[in-house]
């Protein structure tokens, strides 16, 4: 009798727990967005590219994916892993401002949008506020961690580093391997001594690029820049005999490890569903590969 009673109690408890789980309101895309806004630590800007781009805000979330860019290939992987809320640093539809006015009838736009709807995906653009995150730019934090440069950062300039002495060639090789940047490009003497590095993850303009290179840094590391401006300037610096170098990692490779760090950050306040990082492989290849 005691055993039957004990079994009955366990069965009743299990049923109650099941009913409680089933009775709880599901985590929705709106809920996740509200948590992101509350946790990022800075006021949410009225004018921003950040926000829900595709999908329904009321969609129950089955999993969260953090990624550099919500490409079609990444969205297919997200759907296959049941990660239907996609936090993407860069656009879903090929425009920083997510302006689809010129592609509304484009076959690929319609196909990608249909895939998102069919698989009940939601894409959330998280660019401006991740860069403005309280404490330190989330992308810069993730890149620093990936490279193992946390102890080398300047207290007042978190994207300026004094690294152990090396050469341009060795530094470029380390960055290629750690950042998985297969098509990294370099301007400057390979054997030039390096210790002072300034970074501009993502994109770098001619200014302040020119001013940075005329300062005391040895190497300016960027994601990308216009080839007829800053790159030409660096090439001329080298031709003039200056000990300067430019390392161009590629836009995706120079920021996406900040979205790997974003995955850790999201896990701090999303526990109901899986949260995973979906790496976006570099899209370029070279003939020798």
Protein backbone atom coordinates (compact mmCIF):
# COMPACT_ATOMS: atom_id res chain seq x y z
CA UNK A 1 0.00 0.00 0.00
CA UNK A 2 2.82 2.36 0.94
CA UNK A 3 4.54 1.64 -2.39
CA UNK A 4 1.34 2.27 -4.31
CA UNK A 5 0.82 5.50 -2.42
CA UNK A 6 4.37 6.60 -3.13
CA UNK A 7 3.97 5.81 -6.84
CA UNK A 8 0.70 7.68 -6.89
CA UNK A 9 2.29 10.71 -5.33
CA UNK A 10 5.16 10.65 -7.83
CA UNK A 11 2.71 10.31 -10.71
CA UNK A 12 0.64 13.20 -9.36
CA UNK A 13 3.73 15.35 -8.90
CA UNK A 14 4.92 14.60 -12.44
CA UNK A 15 1.50 15.41 -13.83
CA UNK A 16 1.45 18.69 -11.92
CA UNK A 17 4.90 19.61 -13.23
CA UNK A 18 3.85 18.77 -16.76
CA UNK A 19 0.70 20.83 -16.45
CA UNK A 20 2.73 23.70 -15.02
CA UNK A 21 5.17 23.58 -17.93
CA UNK A 22 2.35 23.33 -20.43
CA UNK A 23 0.41 26.08 -18.72
CA UNK A 24 3.32 28.53 -18.75
CA UNK A 25 3.22 31.14 -21.48
CA UNK A 26 5.75 30.31 -24.22
CA UNK A 27 8.78 32.51 -24.74
CA UNK A 28 8.02 34.69 -27.77
CA UNK A 29 10.18 36.71 -30.11
CA UNK A 30 8.83 39.83 -28.42
CA UNK A 31 9.98 38.51 -25.06
CA UNK A 32 13.51 37.92 -26.33
CA UNK A 33 13.66 41.38 -27.87
CA UNK A 34 12.46 42.97 -24.62
CA UNK A 35 15.19 41.14 -22.68
CA UNK A 36 17.88 42.23 -25.16
CA UNK A 37 16.78 45.85 -24.83
CA UNK A 38 16.77 45.60 -21.05
CA UNK A 39 20.18 43.90 -20.81
CA UNK A 40 22.26 45.86 -23.32
CA UNK A 41 22.65 48.64 -20.76
CA UNK A 42 22.12 51.71 -22.95
CA UNK A 43 18.91 53.56 -23.90
CA UNK A 44 17.30 52.11 -27.01
CA UNK A 45 17.69 54.60 -29.85
CA UNK A 46 14.67 55.83 -31.77
CA UNK A 47 16.71 56.01 -34.98
CA UNK A 48 18.49 52.70 -35.48
CA UNK A 49 18.80 49.77 -37.87
CA UNK A 50 18.23 47.45 -34.92
CA UNK A 51 14.94 45.64 -34.59
CA UNK A 52 12.77 42.83 -35.92
CA UNK A 53 13.34 42.51 -39.68
CA UNK A 54 11.43 39.43 -40.77
CA UNK A 55 8.96 37.13 -39.07
CA UNK A 56 6.20 37.54 -36.51
CA UNK A 57 6.94 39.10 -33.12
CA UNK A 58 4.45 36.73 -31.47
CA UNK A 59 6.22 33.60 -32.73
CA UNK A 60 7.03 31.12 -29.92
CA UNK A 61 10.81 30.79 -29.72
CA UNK A 62 12.23 27.26 -29.94
CA UNK A 63 15.87 28.30 -29.98
CA UNK A 64 18.12 31.32 -30.47
CA UNK A 65 20.95 31.63 -32.99
CA UNK A 66 23.55 34.39 -32.86
CA UNK A 67 25.35 35.02 -36.14
CA UNK A 68 27.31 37.61 -38.07
CA UNK A 69 24.93 37.73 -41.01
CA UNK A 70 21.56 36.10 -41.66
CA UNK A 71 22.53 34.69 -45.03
CA UNK A 72 20.30 32.12 -46.70
CA UNK A 73 22.80 29.39 -45.78
CA UNK A 74 22.84 30.47 -42.11
CA UNK A 75 19.02 30.59 -42.01
CA UNK A 76 18.86 27.05 -43.41
CA UNK A 77 21.21 25.86 -40.66
CA UNK A 78 19.15 27.70 -38.04
CA UNK A 79 15.95 26.06 -39.26
CA UNK A 80 17.59 22.62 -39.32
CA UNK A 81 18.63 23.06 -35.66
CA UNK A 82 15.25 24.43 -34.59
CA UNK A 83 16.77 27.83 -33.74
CA UNK A 84 14.00 30.05 -35.02
CA UNK A 85 15.04 33.40 -33.45
CA UNK A 86 18.11 34.66 -35.31
CA UNK A 87 20.13 37.53 -33.84
CA UNK A 88 22.16 38.91 -36.75
CA UNK A 89 24.77 41.67 -36.61
CA UNK A 90 24.47 42.50 -40.30
CA UNK A 91 21.39 42.70 -42.56
CA UNK A 92 18.99 40.00 -43.61
CA UNK A 93 18.23 41.55 -47.00
CA UNK A 94 21.49 43.03 -48.31
CA UNK A 95 21.05 46.60 -47.06
CA UNK A 96 22.41 48.09 -43.85
CA UNK A 97 19.19 50.05 -43.47
CA UNK A 98 17.17 46.94 -44.40
CA UNK A 99 15.64 48.89 -47.29
CA UNK A 100 13.91 46.34 -49.52
CA UNK A 101 12.18 48.83 -51.80
CA UNK A 102 14.46 47.96 -54.72
CA UNK A 103 14.20 44.18 -54.31
CA UNK A 104 10.53 43.63 -53.51
CA UNK A 105 10.05 41.71 -56.75
CA UNK A 106 13.48 40.10 -56.80
CA UNK A 107 13.14 36.28 -57.06
CA UNK A 108 15.79 35.66 -54.39
CA UNK A 109 14.20 38.11 -51.96
CA UNK A 110 10.83 36.43 -52.40
CA UNK A 111 12.35 32.96 -51.99
CA UNK A 112 14.30 33.90 -48.86
CA UNK A 113 11.28 35.63 -47.33
CA UNK A 114 9.10 32.61 -48.10
CA UNK A 115 11.65 30.33 -46.41
CA UNK A 116 11.58 32.52 -43.29
CA UNK A 117 7.79 32.35 -43.18
CA UNK A 118 7.61 28.63 -43.90
CA UNK A 119 9.98 27.79 -41.05
CA UNK A 120 8.54 30.38 -38.66
CA UNK A 121 11.87 32.17 -38.37
CA UNK A 122 12.37 35.62 -36.90
CA UNK A 123 15.43 37.73 -37.73
CA UNK A 124 16.52 40.49 -35.36
CA UNK A 125 19.11 43.02 -36.53
CA UNK A 126 21.46 43.77 -33.61
CA UNK A 127 24.13 46.16 -34.82
CA UNK A 128 24.04 49.65 -33.32
CA UNK A 129 23.29 48.74 -29.74
CA UNK A 130 25.74 45.84 -29.62
CA UNK A 131 28.47 48.29 -30.62
CA UNK A 132 27.19 50.74 -27.97
CA UNK A 133 26.77 48.13 -25.24
CA UNK A 134 27.41 49.39 -21.72
CA UNK A 135 30.95 48.71 -20.59
CA UNK A 136 32.53 47.90 -23.94
CA UNK A 137 31.55 47.49 -27.58
CA UNK A 138 30.36 43.86 -27.83
CA UNK A 139 32.13 43.26 -31.13
CA UNK A 140 35.43 44.68 -29.85
CA UNK A 141 35.14 42.55 -26.70
CA UNK A 142 34.60 39.37 -28.67
CA UNK A 143 37.42 40.08 -31.12
CA UNK A 144 39.83 40.85 -28.29
CA UNK A 145 38.95 37.58 -26.59
CA UNK A 146 39.28 35.58 -29.79
CA UNK A 147 42.79 36.94 -30.41
CA UNK A 148 43.86 36.56 -26.78
CA UNK A 149 44.61 40.26 -26.54
CA UNK A 150 42.62 41.09 -23.41
CA UNK A 151 45.74 41.86 -21.37
CA UNK A 152 47.26 43.98 -24.14
CA UNK A 153 44.45 46.53 -24.52
CA UNK A 154 44.97 50.19 -23.68
CA UNK A 155 42.81 51.28 -20.73
CA UNK A 156 41.64 54.44 -22.48
CA UNK A 157 41.49 53.05 -26.03
CA UNK A 158 40.12 49.48 -25.99
CA UNK A 159 40.89 49.01 -29.69
CA UNK A 160 44.55 49.94 -29.26
CA UNK A 161 46.97 47.18 -28.22
CA UNK A 162 50.60 46.81 -27.26
CA UNK A 163 51.38 43.21 -28.15
CA UNK A 164 54.58 41.18 -27.64
CA UNK A 165 57.12 42.13 -30.36
CA UNK A 166 56.62 40.28 -33.65
CA UNK A 167 56.69 40.97 -37.39
CA UNK A 168 53.96 41.99 -39.80
CA UNK A 169 54.14 38.58 -41.49
CA UNK A 170 53.82 36.65 -38.22
CA UNK A 171 51.02 38.87 -36.95
CA UNK A 172 49.11 38.44 -40.21
CA UNK A 173 49.54 34.66 -39.98
CA UNK A 174 48.20 34.59 -36.41
CA UNK A 175 45.18 36.67 -37.42
CA UNK A 176 44.55 34.47 -40.46
CA UNK A 177 44.50 31.35 -38.32
CA UNK A 178 42.63 32.63 -35.25
CA UNK A 179 40.01 34.55 -37.23
CA UNK A 180 39.71 31.95 -40.02
CA UNK A 181 40.43 34.68 -42.57
CA UNK A 182 41.52 32.72 -45.64
CA UNK A 183 41.78 35.75 -47.93
CA UNK A 184 43.51 38.19 -45.57
CA UNK A 185 45.49 40.93 -47.35
CA UNK A 186 48.48 42.93 -46.15
CA UNK A 187 50.31 46.10 -47.20
CA UNK A 188 53.75 46.66 -45.68
CA UNK A 189 57.12 44.96 -45.31
CA UNK A 190 56.72 41.37 -44.04
CA UNK A 191 59.79 41.64 -41.77
CA UNK A 192 58.81 44.97 -40.22
CA UNK A 193 58.84 44.93 -36.40
CA UNK A 194 55.43 45.25 -34.76
CA UNK A 195 54.23 45.93 -31.22
CA UNK A 196 51.70 48.79 -31.42
CA UNK A 197 48.43 47.85 -33.11
CA UNK A 198 45.22 49.79 -33.68
CA UNK A 199 42.06 48.01 -34.83
CA UNK A 200 38.92 49.10 -36.63
CA UNK A 201 36.67 46.05 -36.79
CA UNK A 202 34.34 46.04 -39.77
CA UNK A 203 34.93 49.10 -41.90
CA UNK A 204 37.54 51.87 -41.76
CA UNK A 205 37.30 55.19 -43.56
CA UNK A 206 40.17 57.27 -44.93
CA UNK A 207 39.74 59.52 -41.92
CA UNK A 208 40.50 58.85 -39.13
CA UNK A 209 42.57 56.10 -40.81
CA UNK A 210 45.18 58.54 -42.15
CA UNK A 211 45.53 60.21 -38.74
CA UNK A 212 45.89 56.84 -37.02
CA UNK A 213 48.64 55.77 -39.42
CA UNK A 214 50.48 59.06 -38.87
CA UNK A 215 50.50 58.40 -35.14
CA UNK A 216 52.78 56.04 -33.23
CA UNK A 217 51.09 52.76 -34.21
CA UNK A 218 52.91 50.21 -36.36
CA UNK A 219 49.97 48.35 -37.87
CA UNK A 220 46.39 49.33 -38.55
CA UNK A 221 44.11 46.26 -38.62
CA UNK A 222 40.76 46.71 -40.38
CA UNK A 223 37.98 44.63 -41.80
CA UNK A 224 37.73 46.47 -45.07
CA UNK A 225 38.23 49.91 -46.58
CA UNK A 226 37.94 51.60 -49.96
CA UNK A 227 40.81 50.42 -52.11
CA UNK A 228 41.34 53.74 -53.86
CA UNK A 229 41.70 55.77 -50.65
CA UNK A 230 43.14 54.37 -47.42
CA UNK A 231 44.85 51.40 -49.02
CA UNK A 232 46.49 53.67 -51.59
CA UNK A 233 47.62 55.97 -48.77
CA UNK A 234 49.27 53.09 -46.91
CA UNK A 235 50.96 51.86 -50.09
CA UNK A 236 52.39 55.35 -50.55
CA UNK A 237 53.56 55.45 -46.92
CA UNK A 238 55.47 52.22 -47.49
CA UNK A 239 56.95 53.53 -50.77
CA UNK A 240 58.07 56.63 -48.88
CA UNK A 241 60.02 54.45 -46.48
CA UNK A 242 57.70 54.69 -43.48
CA UNK A 243 57.48 51.71 -41.13
CA UNK A 244 53.73 51.23 -41.38
CA UNK A 245 51.45 48.38 -42.38
CA UNK A 246 47.79 47.69 -43.03
CA UNK A 247 46.17 44.30 -42.43
CA UNK A 248 42.75 43.78 -44.04
CA UNK A 249 41.00 40.81 -42.49
CA UNK A 250 37.63 41.02 -44.26
CA UNK A 251 34.42 42.47 -42.86
CA UNK A 252 32.86 39.23 -41.65
CA UNK A 253 36.03 37.78 -40.12
CA UNK A 254 36.82 41.07 -38.37
CA UNK A 255 33.51 41.16 -36.50
CA UNK A 256 31.88 37.76 -36.32
CA UNK A 257 33.75 36.61 -33.21
CA UNK A 258 31.99 39.48 -31.48
CA UNK A 259 28.78 37.60 -32.25
CA UNK A 260 30.28 34.46 -30.77
CA UNK A 261 30.68 36.51 -27.60
CA UNK A 262 27.09 37.72 -28.07
CA UNK A 263 26.02 34.08 -27.71
CA UNK A 264 27.58 33.94 -24.24
CA UNK A 265 25.90 37.23 -23.36
CA UNK A 266 22.47 36.00 -24.52
CA UNK A 267 22.81 32.84 -22.45
CA UNK A 268 23.01 35.05 -19.38
CA UNK A 269 19.31 35.92 -19.61
CA UNK A 270 17.77 33.30 -21.91
CA UNK A 271 17.56 29.88 -20.29
CA UNK A 272 14.26 28.45 -21.57
CA UNK A 273 15.60 27.47 -25.01
CA UNK A 274 18.96 26.57 -26.58
CA UNK A 275 21.21 29.50 -27.56
CA UNK A 276 23.91 28.76 -30.15
CA UNK A 277 26.48 30.57 -32.27
CA UNK A 278 26.23 29.92 -36.01
CA UNK A 279 29.54 30.78 -37.62
CA UNK A 280 29.35 32.27 -41.11
CA UNK A 281 32.24 30.84 -43.15
CA UNK A 282 34.21 33.31 -45.23
CA UNK A 283 32.46 33.44 -48.62
CA UNK A 284 35.60 34.12 -50.67
CA UNK A 285 38.06 31.64 -52.09
CA UNK A 286 41.24 31.92 -54.13
CA UNK A 287 42.31 29.84 -57.17
CA UNK A 288 45.14 28.14 -55.26
CA UNK A 289 42.54 26.66 -52.90
